[in-house]
N, C-alpha and C. Protein backbone atom coordinates (compact mmCIF):
# COMPACT_ATOMS: atom_id res chain seq x y z
N MET A 1 72.91 58.04 65.36
CA MET A 1 73.39 56.71 66.44
C MET A 1 73.96 58.20 67.52
N LYS A 2 74.86 59.34 66.78
CA LYS A 2 75.34 60.25 68.01
C LYS A 2 73.66 60.66 68.69
N LYS A 3 72.88 61.14 67.32
CA LYS A 3 71.42 61.51 67.89
C LYS A 3 70.66 60.74 68.99
N LEU A 4 70.88 59.74 69.13
CA LEU A 4 70.12 58.41 70.05
C LEU A 4 70.97 58.34 71.21
N ILE A 5 72.04 58.24 71.19
CA ILE A 5 73.01 58.36 72.59
C ILE A 5 72.58 59.67 72.97
N LEU A 6 72.85 60.97 72.61
CA LEU A 6 72.73 62.08 73.21
C LEU A 6 71.10 62.11 73.86
N THR A 7 70.22 61.76 73.05
CA THR A 7 68.99 61.83 73.62
C THR A 7 68.91 60.99 74.98
N ILE A 8 69.14 59.74 74.83
CA ILE A 8 69.48 58.81 76.05
C ILE A 8 70.09 59.59 77.34
N ALA A 9 71.13 60.09 77.11
CA ALA A 9 72.22 60.76 77.93
C ALA A 9 71.15 61.95 78.57
N LEU A 10 70.29 62.28 77.91
CA LEU A 10 69.64 63.96 78.51
C LEU A 10 68.60 62.88 79.35
N ALA A 11 67.66 61.97 78.61
CA ALA A 11 66.51 61.42 79.65
C ALA A 11 66.88 60.89 80.85
N LEU A 12 68.44 60.28 80.66
CA LEU A 12 68.75 60.03 82.22
C LEU A 12 69.28 60.92 83.09
N SER A 13 69.84 62.14 82.53
CA SER A 13 70.42 62.99 83.43
C SER A 13 68.91 63.67 83.90
N ALA A 14 68.34 63.80 83.22
CA ALA A 14 66.58 64.57 83.67
C ALA A 14 66.28 63.86 84.47
N ALA A 15 66.13 62.35 84.57
CA ALA A 15 65.67 61.48 85.66
C ALA A 15 66.34 61.63 86.78
N VAL A 16 67.65 61.98 86.75
CA VAL A 16 68.52 61.86 87.95
C VAL A 16 68.22 62.95 88.91
N VAL A 17 68.31 64.01 87.98
CA VAL A 17 68.10 65.57 88.19
C VAL A 17 66.50 65.44 88.73
N SER A 18 65.40 64.99 88.26
CA SER A 18 64.40 64.82 89.27
C SER A 18 64.16 64.43 90.34
N ALA A 19 65.14 63.07 90.44
CA ALA A 19 65.22 62.47 91.71
C ALA A 19 65.62 62.93 92.62
N GLN A 20 66.63 64.00 92.46
CA GLN A 20 67.09 64.61 93.39
C GLN A 20 66.34 65.66 94.53
N ASN A 21 66.55 66.23 95.27
CA ASN A 21 65.73 66.97 96.32
C ASN A 21 66.75 67.75 96.83
N TYR A 22 66.22 68.78 96.49
CA TYR A 22 67.00 70.03 96.79
C TYR A 22 66.00 71.10 97.24
N ILE A 23 66.94 72.40 97.48
CA ILE A 23 66.50 73.50 98.40
C ILE A 23 67.21 74.49 97.74
N VAL A 24 66.73 75.82 97.78
CA VAL A 24 67.48 77.22 97.50
C VAL A 24 67.44 78.13 98.51
N VAL A 25 68.38 78.40 99.00
CA VAL A 25 68.41 79.39 99.98
C VAL A 25 69.06 80.91 99.49
N ASN A 26 68.97 82.11 100.15
CA ASN A 26 69.60 83.14 99.88
C ASN A 26 70.50 83.32 100.90
N SER A 27 71.72 83.28 100.86
CA SER A 27 72.54 83.26 101.77
C SER A 27 72.71 85.08 102.09
N GLU A 28 72.74 85.62 101.25
CA GLU A 28 72.97 87.20 101.85
C GLU A 28 71.70 87.39 102.79
N LYS A 29 70.62 87.04 102.04
CA LYS A 29 69.44 87.19 103.18
C LYS A 29 69.75 86.53 104.63
N ILE A 30 69.89 85.77 104.55
CA ILE A 30 70.48 84.74 105.90
C ILE A 30 71.52 85.62 106.75
N PHE A 31 72.80 86.04 106.31
CA PHE A 31 73.82 86.69 106.75
C PHE A 31 73.18 87.86 107.20
N LYS A 32 72.47 88.80 106.60
CA LYS A 32 72.01 89.79 106.94
C LYS A 32 71.19 90.01 108.38
N SER A 33 70.41 88.72 108.28
CA SER A 33 69.12 88.51 109.45
C SER A 33 70.10 88.39 110.91
N VAL A 34 71.42 88.01 110.76
CA VAL A 34 72.14 88.14 111.58
C VAL A 34 72.98 88.93 112.16
N ALA A 35 72.30 89.65 113.95
CA ALA A 35 73.09 90.80 114.50
C ALA A 35 74.55 90.81 114.20
N ALA A 36 74.63 89.97 114.68
CA ALA A 36 76.26 89.82 115.07
C ALA A 36 77.24 89.85 113.39
N TYR A 37 76.56 89.65 112.20
CA TYR A 37 77.14 89.60 111.07
C TYR A 37 77.10 90.94 110.68
N ASN A 38 75.83 91.81 110.96
CA ASN A 38 76.23 92.94 110.68
C ASN A 38 76.83 93.93 111.47
N THR A 39 76.66 93.74 112.84
CA THR A 39 78.00 94.36 113.81
C THR A 39 79.46 94.19 113.03
N ALA A 40 79.78 93.08 112.95
CA ALA A 40 80.81 92.90 112.38
C ALA A 40 81.35 93.46 111.10
N ILE A 41 80.28 93.24 110.27
CA ILE A 41 80.57 94.14 109.19
C ILE A 41 80.86 95.86 109.25
N ALA A 42 80.15 96.06 109.89
CA ALA A 42 80.06 97.49 110.51
C ALA A 42 81.51 97.89 110.97
N GLU A 43 81.73 97.33 112.09
CA GLU A 43 83.09 97.24 112.54
C GLU A 43 84.54 97.53 111.44
N LEU A 44 84.17 96.32 110.55
CA LEU A 44 84.98 96.13 109.70
C LEU A 44 85.33 97.09 108.63
N ASP A 45 84.14 97.83 108.66
CA ASP A 45 83.94 98.86 107.58
C ASP A 45 84.61 100.51 108.30
N LYS A 46 84.44 99.96 109.16
CA LYS A 46 85.22 101.42 110.32
C LYS A 46 86.50 101.29 110.28
N LEU A 47 87.09 100.05 110.53
CA LEU A 47 88.44 99.85 110.37
C LEU A 47 89.06 100.20 109.02
N ALA A 48 88.47 99.61 107.84
CA ALA A 48 88.77 99.82 106.84
C ALA A 48 89.18 101.31 106.43
N GLU A 49 88.13 102.30 106.75
CA GLU A 49 88.29 103.38 106.67
C GLU A 49 89.20 104.22 107.53
N GLN A 50 89.51 103.54 108.64
CA GLN A 50 90.64 104.15 109.63
C GLN A 50 92.29 103.69 108.90
N TYR A 51 92.09 102.58 108.08
CA TYR A 51 93.25 102.06 107.67
C TYR A 51 93.40 103.00 106.24
N GLN A 52 92.72 103.45 105.95
CA GLN A 52 92.62 104.03 104.27
C GLN A 52 93.32 105.46 104.80
N LYS A 53 92.89 105.86 106.23
CA LYS A 53 93.33 107.46 105.88
C LYS A 53 94.78 107.52 106.34
N GLN A 54 95.19 105.99 107.14
CA GLN A 54 96.42 105.86 107.23
C GLN A 54 97.28 106.05 105.94
N VAL A 55 96.98 104.71 105.32
CA VAL A 55 97.54 104.73 103.81
C VAL A 55 97.56 105.91 103.34
N ASP A 56 96.37 107.08 103.03
CA ASP A 56 96.65 108.44 102.39
C ASP A 56 97.29 109.39 102.86
N GLU A 57 97.48 109.26 104.21
CA GLU A 57 98.90 109.97 105.04
C GLU A 57 100.38 109.90 104.43
N LYS A 58 100.38 108.52 104.39
CA LYS A 58 101.67 108.03 103.85
C LYS A 58 101.92 108.51 102.35
N PHE A 59 100.75 108.27 101.65
CA PHE A 59 101.03 108.69 100.14
C PHE A 59 100.94 110.37 99.87
N LYS A 60 100.11 110.88 100.79
CA LYS A 60 100.38 112.06 101.07
C LYS A 60 101.92 112.86 101.47
N GLU A 61 102.38 112.37 102.35
CA GLU A 61 103.84 112.77 102.17
C GLU A 61 104.75 112.50 101.32
N VAL A 62 104.40 111.08 100.30
CA VAL A 62 105.21 111.02 99.29
C VAL A 62 104.88 112.11 98.22
N GLU A 63 103.62 112.60 98.04
CA GLU A 63 103.15 113.55 97.27
C GLU A 63 104.01 115.42 97.32
N THR A 64 103.96 115.63 98.62
CA THR A 64 104.48 116.46 99.60
C THR A 64 105.66 116.49 98.91
N LEU A 65 106.72 115.34 99.31
CA LEU A 65 108.03 115.22 98.94
C LEU A 65 108.31 115.51 97.53
N TYR A 66 107.22 115.02 97.03
CA TYR A 66 107.47 115.03 95.30
C TYR A 66 107.45 116.65 94.72
N ASN A 67 106.27 117.19 95.36
CA ASN A 67 106.00 118.61 94.73
C ASN A 67 107.34 119.45 95.33
N SER A 68 107.68 119.14 96.57
CA SER A 68 109.13 120.07 96.88
C SER A 68 110.18 119.99 96.00
N TYR A 69 110.39 118.75 95.49
CA TYR A 69 111.49 118.44 94.87
C TYR A 69 111.32 118.98 93.36
N GLN A 70 110.26 118.78 92.70
CA GLN A 70 109.91 119.78 91.72
C GLN A 70 110.26 120.87 91.77
N GLY A 71 109.76 121.76 92.66
CA GLY A 71 110.29 122.79 92.99
C GLY A 71 111.52 123.62 92.97
N GLN A 72 112.21 122.76 93.47
CA GLN A 72 113.53 122.94 93.66
C GLN A 72 114.50 122.20 92.47
N LYS A 73 113.87 121.37 92.10
CA LYS A 73 114.99 120.51 90.77
C LYS A 73 115.52 121.30 90.18
N ALA A 74 115.14 122.43 89.53
CA ALA A 74 116.03 123.36 88.51
C ALA A 74 117.16 123.85 89.51
N SER A 75 116.98 123.83 90.66
CA SER A 75 118.30 124.67 91.51
C SER A 75 119.45 123.55 92.07
N LEU A 76 119.12 122.41 91.92
CA LEU A 76 119.86 121.15 92.34
C LEU A 76 120.93 120.46 91.76
N ASN A 77 122.18 120.33 92.09
CA ASN A 77 122.92 119.61 91.05
C ASN A 77 122.73 117.90 90.80
N ALA A 78 123.37 117.19 90.25
CA ALA A 78 122.79 116.15 89.75
C ALA A 78 122.76 115.22 90.71
N ALA A 79 123.74 114.83 91.43
CA ALA A 79 123.95 114.10 92.67
C ALA A 79 122.75 114.32 93.41
N THR A 80 122.22 115.79 93.98
CA THR A 80 121.36 115.75 95.27
C THR A 80 119.94 115.49 94.48
N ARG A 81 120.22 115.76 93.06
CA ARG A 81 118.62 115.25 92.75
C ARG A 81 118.73 113.84 92.52
N GLN A 82 119.70 113.14 92.13
CA GLN A 82 119.18 111.75 92.13
C GLN A 82 118.94 111.33 93.91
N THR A 83 119.62 112.05 94.75
CA THR A 83 119.32 111.42 96.14
C THR A 83 117.79 111.70 96.88
N PHE A 84 117.49 112.95 96.17
CA PHE A 84 116.16 113.40 96.33
C PHE A 84 115.01 112.31 95.60
N GLU A 85 115.47 111.75 94.50
CA GLU A 85 114.66 111.18 93.67
C GLU A 85 114.69 109.50 94.36
N ASP A 86 115.53 108.88 94.57
CA ASP A 86 115.64 108.08 95.62
C ASP A 86 115.06 107.98 96.71
N VAL A 87 115.01 109.01 97.53
CA VAL A 87 114.20 109.05 98.60
C VAL A 87 112.85 108.80 98.50
N ILE A 88 112.43 109.59 97.55
CA ILE A 88 110.95 109.79 97.29
C ILE A 88 110.63 108.29 96.84
N ILE A 89 111.26 107.62 95.71
CA ILE A 89 110.90 105.98 95.44
C ILE A 89 111.26 105.53 96.30
N GLN A 90 111.82 105.52 97.75
CA GLN A 90 112.20 104.46 98.60
C GLN A 90 110.14 105.02 99.51
N LYS A 91 110.06 106.19 99.61
CA LYS A 91 109.12 106.57 100.42
C LYS A 91 107.53 105.82 99.93
N GLU A 92 107.95 105.77 98.43
CA GLU A 92 106.73 105.82 97.60
C GLU A 92 106.49 104.19 98.00
N GLU A 93 107.50 103.14 97.89
CA GLU A 93 107.28 101.76 98.13
C GLU A 93 106.96 101.46 99.63
N GLU A 94 107.72 102.23 100.17
CA GLU A 94 107.26 101.95 102.09
C GLU A 94 105.59 102.49 101.80
N ALA A 95 105.18 103.45 101.29
CA ALA A 95 103.76 103.35 101.54
C ALA A 95 103.01 102.37 100.64
N GLY A 96 103.32 101.83 99.54
CA GLY A 96 102.71 100.49 98.98
C GLY A 96 103.06 99.27 99.68
N LYS A 97 104.04 99.17 100.44
CA LYS A 97 104.02 97.83 101.03
C LYS A 97 103.22 98.18 102.50
N PHE A 98 103.30 99.62 102.92
CA PHE A 98 102.14 99.57 104.04
C PHE A 98 100.78 99.47 103.83
N GLN A 99 100.23 99.93 102.47
CA GLN A 99 99.05 100.00 101.95
C GLN A 99 98.87 98.05 102.07
N GLU A 100 99.84 97.11 101.42
CA GLU A 100 99.30 95.87 101.60
C GLU A 100 99.24 95.27 102.37
N SER A 101 100.12 95.88 103.54
CA SER A 101 99.87 95.28 105.11
C SER A 101 98.97 95.18 105.52
N LEU A 102 98.02 96.25 105.11
CA LEU A 102 96.75 96.56 105.77
C LEU A 102 95.49 96.02 104.96
N PHE A 103 95.34 96.20 103.23
CA PHE A 103 94.66 95.66 102.51
C PHE A 103 94.83 94.58 101.91
N GLY A 104 95.89 93.88 101.84
CA GLY A 104 96.60 92.75 100.87
C GLY A 104 95.77 91.61 101.54
N ASN A 105 96.12 90.26 100.57
CA ASN A 105 95.07 89.14 101.04
C ASN A 105 95.39 88.81 102.38
N ASP A 106 96.64 88.86 102.75
CA ASP A 106 97.58 88.50 103.83
C ASP A 106 97.50 89.85 105.16
N GLY A 107 96.75 91.24 104.81
CA GLY A 107 96.81 91.94 105.39
C GLY A 107 96.02 91.82 106.61
N GLU A 108 96.25 93.22 107.23
CA GLU A 108 95.56 92.89 108.67
C GLU A 108 93.89 93.10 108.69
N LEU A 109 93.38 93.60 107.50
CA LEU A 109 92.09 93.61 107.44
C LEU A 109 91.26 92.26 106.92
N MET A 110 92.01 91.85 106.06
CA MET A 110 91.97 90.44 106.02
C MET A 110 91.82 89.67 107.04
N LYS A 111 92.89 89.68 108.12
CA LYS A 111 92.97 88.79 109.26
C LYS A 111 91.96 88.97 110.17
N GLN A 112 91.36 90.49 110.02
CA GLN A 112 90.32 90.81 110.93
C GLN A 112 88.87 90.22 110.31
N ARG A 113 89.00 90.40 109.27
CA ARG A 113 87.61 89.58 108.43
C ARG A 113 87.28 88.33 108.86
N VAL A 114 88.66 87.46 108.57
CA VAL A 114 88.52 86.09 108.92
C VAL A 114 88.11 86.02 110.56
N GLN A 115 88.79 86.48 111.16
CA GLN A 115 88.45 86.49 113.07
C GLN A 115 87.11 86.96 113.34
N ARG A 116 86.45 87.84 112.38
CA ARG A 116 85.17 88.07 112.73
C ARG A 116 84.11 87.60 112.20
N ILE A 117 84.53 87.33 110.70
CA ILE A 117 83.12 86.57 110.09
C ILE A 117 83.35 84.98 110.02
N LYS A 118 84.10 84.48 109.94
CA LYS A 118 84.42 83.15 110.07
C LYS A 118 83.69 82.49 111.34
N PRO A 119 83.51 83.03 112.00
CA PRO A 119 82.28 82.25 113.25
C PRO A 119 81.19 82.18 112.98
N ILE A 120 80.62 83.32 112.30
CA ILE A 120 79.36 83.34 111.59
C ILE A 120 79.12 82.73 110.70
N GLN A 121 80.12 82.86 109.89
CA GLN A 121 79.93 81.86 108.36
C GLN A 121 79.71 80.32 109.12
N GLU A 122 80.55 80.17 109.70
CA GLU A 122 80.61 78.49 110.12
C GLU A 122 78.94 78.04 110.77
N ARG A 123 78.33 79.05 111.60
CA ARG A 123 77.35 78.98 112.39
C ARG A 123 76.09 78.84 111.08
N VAL A 124 76.05 79.77 110.23
CA VAL A 124 75.17 79.67 109.66
C VAL A 124 75.16 78.61 108.25
N PHE A 125 76.04 78.24 107.68
CA PHE A 125 76.43 77.03 107.13
C PHE A 125 76.21 75.69 107.93
N ALA A 126 76.53 75.53 109.21
CA ALA A 126 75.93 74.40 110.20
C ALA A 126 74.62 74.42 110.19
N ALA A 127 73.61 75.49 110.12
CA ALA A 127 72.29 75.70 110.40
C ALA A 127 71.90 75.35 108.85
N ILE A 128 72.24 75.67 107.73
CA ILE A 128 71.97 75.52 106.32
C ILE A 128 72.08 74.00 106.43
N GLU A 129 73.19 73.52 106.63
CA GLU A 129 73.50 71.68 106.32
C GLU A 129 72.17 71.08 107.59
N ALA A 130 72.14 71.62 108.52
CA ALA A 130 71.41 70.58 109.54
C ALA A 130 69.53 70.72 108.88
N TYR A 131 69.75 71.90 108.44
CA TYR A 131 68.06 72.23 107.76
C TYR A 131 68.07 71.15 106.57
N ALA A 132 68.71 71.22 106.29
CA ALA A 132 69.15 70.45 104.60
C ALA A 132 68.67 68.93 105.07
N LYS A 133 69.46 68.56 105.93
CA LYS A 133 69.69 67.23 106.41
C LYS A 133 68.36 67.19 106.90
N SER A 134 67.54 67.74 107.57
CA SER A 134 66.48 67.60 108.46
C SER A 134 65.25 67.55 107.20
N VAL A 135 65.54 68.17 105.98
CA VAL A 135 64.37 67.69 105.21
C VAL A 135 64.80 66.82 104.03
N GLY A 136 65.97 66.15 104.03
CA GLY A 136 66.21 65.36 103.31
C GLY A 136 66.68 65.77 102.24
N ALA A 137 67.49 66.83 101.89
CA ALA A 137 67.63 67.55 100.68
C ALA A 137 69.12 67.20 100.53
N ASP A 138 69.07 66.70 99.06
CA ASP A 138 70.62 65.99 98.62
C ASP A 138 71.48 67.30 98.10
N LEU A 139 71.04 68.44 97.45
CA LEU A 139 71.45 69.22 97.56
C LEU A 139 70.77 71.05 97.85
N VAL A 140 72.01 72.02 97.90
CA VAL A 140 71.38 73.39 98.46
C VAL A 140 72.28 74.10 97.46
N LEU A 141 70.76 75.10 97.01
CA LEU A 141 71.77 75.94 96.10
C LEU A 141 71.74 77.42 96.80
N ASP A 142 72.33 78.49 96.19
CA ASP A 142 72.30 79.95 97.09
C ASP A 142 71.68 80.22 95.71
N SER A 143 70.83 81.17 95.97
CA SER A 143 70.24 82.24 95.13
C SER A 143 70.88 83.65 95.09
N SER A 144 71.44 83.96 96.18
CA SER A 144 72.26 85.29 96.49
C SER A 144 73.18 85.71 95.38
N ASN A 145 73.27 86.85 94.65
CA ASN A 145 74.24 87.11 93.44
C ASN A 145 74.50 86.33 92.55
N ASN A 146 73.63 85.28 92.18
CA ASN A 146 74.09 84.36 91.22
C ASN A 146 73.17 84.74 90.01
N PRO A 147 74.06 85.08 88.79
CA PRO A 147 73.69 85.48 87.76
C PRO A 147 73.05 84.31 86.74
N THR A 148 73.44 82.91 87.34
CA THR A 148 73.50 81.81 86.51
C THR A 148 71.99 81.24 86.82
N LEU A 149 71.53 81.42 88.04
CA LEU A 149 70.17 80.96 88.27
C LEU A 149 69.15 81.61 87.55
N LEU A 150 68.60 81.21 87.09
CA LEU A 150 67.76 81.84 86.16
C LEU A 150 66.04 81.57 86.55
N TYR A 151 65.48 80.55 87.22
CA TYR A 151 64.51 80.32 87.82
C TYR A 151 64.95 79.45 88.98
N LYS A 152 63.55 79.89 89.73
CA LYS A 152 63.24 78.89 90.77
C LYS A 152 62.14 79.04 91.57
N ALA A 153 61.41 77.76 91.85
CA ALA A 153 59.97 77.82 92.15
C ALA A 153 60.20 78.43 93.78
N GLU A 154 59.01 79.16 94.00
CA GLU A 154 58.96 79.28 95.32
C GLU A 154 58.74 78.24 96.55
N ARG A 155 58.54 77.16 96.17
CA ARG A 155 58.18 75.89 96.51
C ARG A 155 59.77 75.43 97.33
N VAL A 156 60.80 75.68 96.70
CA VAL A 156 62.07 75.11 97.04
C VAL A 156 62.76 76.50 97.63
N GLU A 157 62.16 77.29 97.90
CA GLU A 157 63.07 78.65 98.84
C GLU A 157 62.68 77.85 100.13
N ARG A 158 63.92 78.54 100.98
CA ARG A 158 64.17 77.89 102.52
C ARG A 158 64.69 78.91 103.13
N THR A 159 64.69 80.12 102.43
CA THR A 159 65.61 81.29 103.28
C THR A 159 65.25 81.42 104.96
N GLN A 160 63.78 81.45 104.62
CA GLN A 160 63.26 82.02 105.91
C GLN A 160 63.25 81.22 106.98
N GLN A 161 62.97 79.41 106.84
CA GLN A 161 63.28 78.58 107.71
C GLN A 161 64.75 78.57 108.23
N ILE A 162 66.03 78.66 107.37
CA ILE A 162 66.92 78.97 107.81
C ILE A 162 67.47 79.94 108.79
N ILE A 163 66.69 81.25 108.73
CA ILE A 163 66.88 82.41 109.43
C ILE A 163 66.44 81.89 110.91
N ASP A 164 64.71 81.24 110.50
CA ASP A 164 64.26 81.10 111.83
C ASP A 164 65.00 80.40 112.58
N ARG A 165 66.12 78.82 112.01
CA ARG A 165 66.75 77.93 113.19
C ARG A 165 67.98 78.98 113.66
N LEU A 166 68.31 79.96 113.08
CA LEU A 166 69.05 80.68 113.67
C LEU A 166 69.13 81.67 114.51
N LYS A 167 67.53 81.76 114.66
CA LYS A 167 67.42 82.65 116.07
C LYS A 167 66.99 81.71 117.27
């Protein structure tokens, strides 16, 4: 009985899937075809590099302070050692917070990314949606970086059409 129900369920789901009209696009290829996206990514990479240099400087200060402390540690009394250690810990925490303020989920780099990339994403997604509606697609699958997409027929690939619409 269970086999019969399973067979019927599989047959019905296969019929539903075959009745669906779907297309496949490669969003990565589409994004890379948009000049504004490439420019924004290059600017964000440059900004990330600048931010990383600033973070590295903060941590280098901590390292210099720590090395200085290690060199003087034997000649310092307990109170001075504790003060030195507290300063090092405080500087390290400040450097970590600074790094988080630049690279964290709510950091400056993420804010810049949202500001620069989101309008482009909205434009690309609108073009995909418009194209899907124009060809009567019920479903759009993204084949970029998707390890679960095992096969696609070239006849359902619509990446180039979306790129053409964006131009």
